[in-house]
PDB file of N, CA and C in Angstrom:
ATOM      1  N   UNK A   1       0.856   2.679  16.281  1.00  0.00           N
ATOM      2  CA  UNK A   1      -0.040   3.824  16.032  1.00  0.00           C
ATOM      3  C   UNK A   1      -1.440   3.470  16.540  1.00  0.00           C
ATOM      4  N   UNK A   2      -1.948   4.310  17.411  1.00  0.00           N
ATOM      5  CA  UNK A   2      -3.267   4.053  17.977  1.00  0.00           C
ATOM      6  C   UNK A   2      -4.369   4.497  17.023  1.00  0.00           C
ATOM      7  N   UNK A   3      -5.595   4.133  17.372  1.00  0.00           N
ATOM      8  CA  UNK A   3      -6.750   4.471  16.531  1.00  0.00           C
ATOM      9  C   UNK A   3      -6.922   5.978  16.412  1.00  0.00           C
ATOM     10  N   UNK A   4      -6.665   6.682  17.514  1.00  0.00           N
ATOM     11  CA  UNK A   4      -6.854   8.141  17.524  1.00  0.00           C
ATOM     12  C   UNK A   4      -5.851   8.830  16.603  1.00  0.00           C
ATOM     13  N   UNK A   5      -4.589   8.446  16.686  1.00  0.00           N
ATOM     14  CA  UNK A   5      -3.576   9.070  15.824  1.00  0.00           C
ATOM     15  C   UNK A   5      -3.830   8.732  14.362  1.00  0.00           C
ATOM     16  N   UNK A   6      -4.287   7.509  14.093  1.00  0.00           N
ATOM     17  CA  UNK A   6      -4.604   7.117  12.714  1.00  0.00           C
ATOM     18  C   UNK A   6      -5.750   7.974  12.185  1.00  0.00           C
ATOM     19  N   UNK A   7      -6.736   8.241  13.032  1.00  0.00           N
ATOM     20  CA  UNK A   7      -7.887   9.064  12.645  1.00  0.00           C
ATOM     21  C   UNK A   7      -7.448  10.497  12.367  1.00  0.00           C
ATOM     22  N   UNK A   8      -6.564  11.030  13.209  1.00  0.00           N
ATOM     23  CA  UNK A   8      -6.064  12.401  13.027  1.00  0.00           C
ATOM     24  C   UNK A   8      -5.269  12.503  11.730  1.00  0.00           C
ATOM     25  N   UNK A   9      -4.393  11.540  11.476  1.00  0.00           N
ATOM     26  CA  UNK A   9      -3.587  11.541  10.251  1.00  0.00           C
ATOM     27  C   UNK A   9      -4.484  11.442   9.023  1.00  0.00           C
ATOM     28  N   UNK A  10      -5.493  10.576   9.079  1.00  0.00           N
ATOM     29  CA  UNK A  10      -6.411  10.399   7.951  1.00  0.00           C
ATOM     30  C   UNK A  10      -7.186  11.686   7.677  1.00  0.00           C
ATOM     31  N   UNK A  11      -7.642  12.354   8.731  1.00  0.00           N
ATOM     32  CA  UNK A  11      -8.396  13.600   8.555  1.00  0.00           C
ATOM     33  C   UNK A  11      -7.497  14.707   8.011  1.00  0.00           C
ATOM     34  N   UNK A  12      -6.237  14.743   8.441  1.00  0.00           N
ATOM     35  CA  UNK A  12      -5.292  15.743   7.934  1.00  0.00           C
ATOM     36  C   UNK A  12      -5.032  15.533   6.446  1.00  0.00           C
ATOM     37  N   UNK A  13      -4.834  14.277   6.054  1.00  0.00           N
ATOM     38  CA  UNK A  13      -4.596  13.962   4.639  1.00  0.00           C
ATOM     39  C   UNK A  13      -5.812  14.355   3.811  1.00  0.00           C
ATOM     40  N   UNK A  14      -7.005  14.045   4.316  1.00  0.00           N
ATOM     41  CA  UNK A  14      -8.245  14.378   3.609  1.00  0.00           C
ATOM     42  C   UNK A  14      -8.383  15.885   3.463  1.00  0.00           C
ATOM     43  N   UNK A  15      -8.051  16.621   4.528  1.00  0.00           N
ATOM     44  CA  UNK A  15      -8.147  18.081   4.504  1.00  0.00           C
ATOM     45  C   UNK A  15      -7.175  18.660   3.472  1.00  0.00           C
ATOM     46  N   UNK A  16      -5.962  18.119   3.413  1.00  0.00           N
ATOM     47  CA  UNK A  16      -4.964  18.588   2.443  1.00  0.00           C
ATOM     48  C   UNK A  16      -5.453  18.350   1.015  1.00  0.00           C
ATOM     49  N   UNK A  17      -6.034  17.169   0.770  1.00  0.00           N
ATOM     50  CA  UNK A  17      -6.541  16.839  -0.572  1.00  0.00           C
ATOM     51  C   UNK A  17      -7.662  17.799  -0.963  1.00  0.00           C
ATOM     52  N   UNK A  18      -8.579  18.069  -0.038  1.00  0.00           N
ATOM     53  CA  UNK A  18      -9.701  18.978  -0.311  1.00  0.00           C
ATOM     54  C   UNK A  18      -9.187  20.388  -0.580  1.00  0.00           C
ATOM     55  N   UNK A  19      -8.270  20.871   0.262  1.00  0.00           N
ATOM     56  CA  UNK A  19      -7.715  22.213   0.082  1.00  0.00           C
ATOM     57  C   UNK A  19      -6.955  22.316  -1.233  1.00  0.00           C
ATOM     58  N   UNK A  20      -6.221  21.262  -1.594  1.00  0.00           N
ATOM     59  CA  UNK A  20      -5.449  21.259  -2.836  1.00  0.00           C
ATOM     60  C   UNK A  20      -6.374  21.344  -4.037  1.00  0.00           C
ATOM     61  N   UNK A  21      -7.484  20.575  -4.009  1.00  0.00           N
ATOM     62  CA  UNK A  21      -8.419  20.590  -5.138  1.00  0.00           C
ATOM     63  C   UNK A  21      -9.097  21.951  -5.266  1.00  0.00           C
ATOM     64  N   UNK A  22      -9.434  22.569  -4.127  1.00  0.00           N
ATOM     65  CA  UNK A  22     -10.054  23.903  -4.151  1.00  0.00           C
ATOM     66  C   UNK A  22      -9.063  24.921  -4.716  1.00  0.00           C
ATOM     67  N   UNK A  23      -7.813  24.856  -4.262  1.00  0.00           N
ATOM     68  CA  UNK A  23      -6.787  25.787  -4.735  1.00  0.00           C
ATOM     69  C   UNK A  23      -6.556  25.613  -6.233  1.00  0.00           C
ATOM     70  N   UNK A  24      -6.585  24.365  -6.704  1.00  0.00           N
ATOM     71  CA  UNK A  24      -6.389  24.085  -8.121  1.00  0.00           C
ATOM     72  C   UNK A  24      -7.529  24.685  -8.943  1.00  0.00           C
ATOM     73  N   UNK A  25      -8.764  24.536  -8.447  1.00  0.00           N
ATOM     74  CA  UNK A  25      -9.923  25.097  -9.153  1.00  0.00           C
ATOM     75  C   UNK A  25      -9.829  26.617  -9.216  1.00  0.00           C
ATOM     76  N   UNK A  26      -9.453  27.244  -8.112  1.00  0.00           N
ATOM     77  CA  UNK A  26      -9.328  28.704  -8.063  1.00  0.00           C
ATOM     78  C   UNK A  26      -8.233  29.163  -9.017  1.00  0.00           C
ATOM     79  N   UNK A  27      -7.101  28.446  -9.025  1.00  0.00           N
ATOM     80  CA  UNK A  27      -5.985  28.801  -9.900  1.00  0.00           C
ATOM     81  C   UNK A  27      -6.388  28.687 -11.363  1.00  0.00           C
ATOM     82  N   UNK A  28      -7.100  27.622 -11.717  1.00  0.00           N
ATOM     83  CA  UNK A  28      -7.539  27.424 -13.099  1.00  0.00           C
ATOM     84  C   UNK A  28      -8.486  28.534 -13.535  1.00  0.00           C
ATOM     85  N   UNK A  29      -9.437  28.901 -12.679  1.00  0.00           N
ATOM     86  CA  UNK A  29     -10.402  29.946 -13.040  1.00  0.00           C
ATOM     87  C   UNK A  29      -9.701  31.296 -13.190  1.00  0.00           C
ATOM     88  N   UNK A  30      -8.721  31.572 -12.345  1.00  0.00           N
ATOM     89  CA  UNK A  30      -7.972  32.832 -12.444  1.00  0.00           C
ATOM     90  C   UNK A  30      -7.165  32.871 -13.735  1.00  0.00           C
ATOM     91  N   UNK A  31      -6.554  31.734 -14.090  1.00  0.00           N
ATOM     92  CA  UNK A  31      -5.745  31.649 -15.298  1.00  0.00           C
ATOM     93  C   UNK A  31      -6.623  31.905 -16.526  1.00  0.00           C
ATOM     94  N   UNK A  32      -7.819  31.322 -16.543  1.00  0.00           N
ATOM     95  CA  UNK A  32      -8.736  31.521 -17.665  1.00  0.00           C
ATOM     96  C   UNK A  32      -9.157  32.979 -17.760  1.00  0.00           C
ATOM     97  N   UNK A  33      -9.418  33.607 -16.616  1.00  0.00           N
ATOM     98  CA  UNK A  33      -9.826  35.018 -16.606  1.00  0.00           C
ATOM     99  C   UNK A  33      -8.708  35.907 -17.143  1.00  0.00           C
ATOM    100  N   UNK A  34      -7.476  35.640 -16.742  1.00  0.00           N
ATOM    101  CA  UNK A  34      -6.347  36.461 -17.206  1.00  0.00           C
ATOM    102  C   UNK A  34      -6.123  36.259 -18.703  1.00  0.00           C
ATOM    103  N   UNK A  35      -6.310  35.031 -19.184  1.00  0.00           N
ATOM    104  CA  UNK A  35      -6.161  34.764 -20.618  1.00  0.00           C
ATOM    105  C   UNK A  35      -7.235  35.501 -21.406  1.00  0.00           C
ATOM    106  N   UNK A  36      -8.460  35.504 -20.885  1.00  0.00           N
ATOM    107  CA  UNK A  36      -9.560  36.189 -21.562  1.00  0.00           C
ATOM    108  C   UNK A  36      -9.326  37.698 -21.598  1.00  0.00           C
ATOM    109  N   UNK A  37      -8.799  38.258 -20.508  1.00  0.00           N
ATOM    110  CA  UNK A  37      -8.560  39.705 -20.464  1.00  0.00           C
ATOM    111  C   UNK A  37      -7.421  40.093 -21.411  1.00  0.00           C
ATOM    112  N   UNK A  38      -6.439  39.203 -21.582  1.00  0.00           N
ATOM    113  CA  UNK A  38      -5.324  39.493 -22.495  1.00  0.00           C
ATOM    114  C   UNK A  38      -5.792  39.498 -23.950  1.00  0.00           C
ATOM    115  N   UNK A  39      -6.750  38.628 -24.268  1.00  0.00           N
ATOM    116  CA  UNK A  39      -7.249  38.549 -25.644  1.00  0.00           C
ATOM    117  C   UNK A  39      -7.973  39.825 -26.044  1.00  0.00           C
ATOM    118  N   UNK A  40      -8.670  40.427 -25.113  1.00  0.00           N
ATOM    119  CA  UNK A  40      -9.482  41.619 -25.427  1.00  0.00           C
ATOM    120  C   UNK A  40      -8.635  42.849 -25.667  1.00  0.00           C
TER     121      UNK A  40
END
């Protein structure tokens, strides 16, 4: 594995981790909003 492919793989993994954390935050906030609306 060359330096370039290692860099591409590392950036892809980092991008997936960032996207996953953002999606998790969005999902959590939506879940809280739906729970709050159900209580009312």
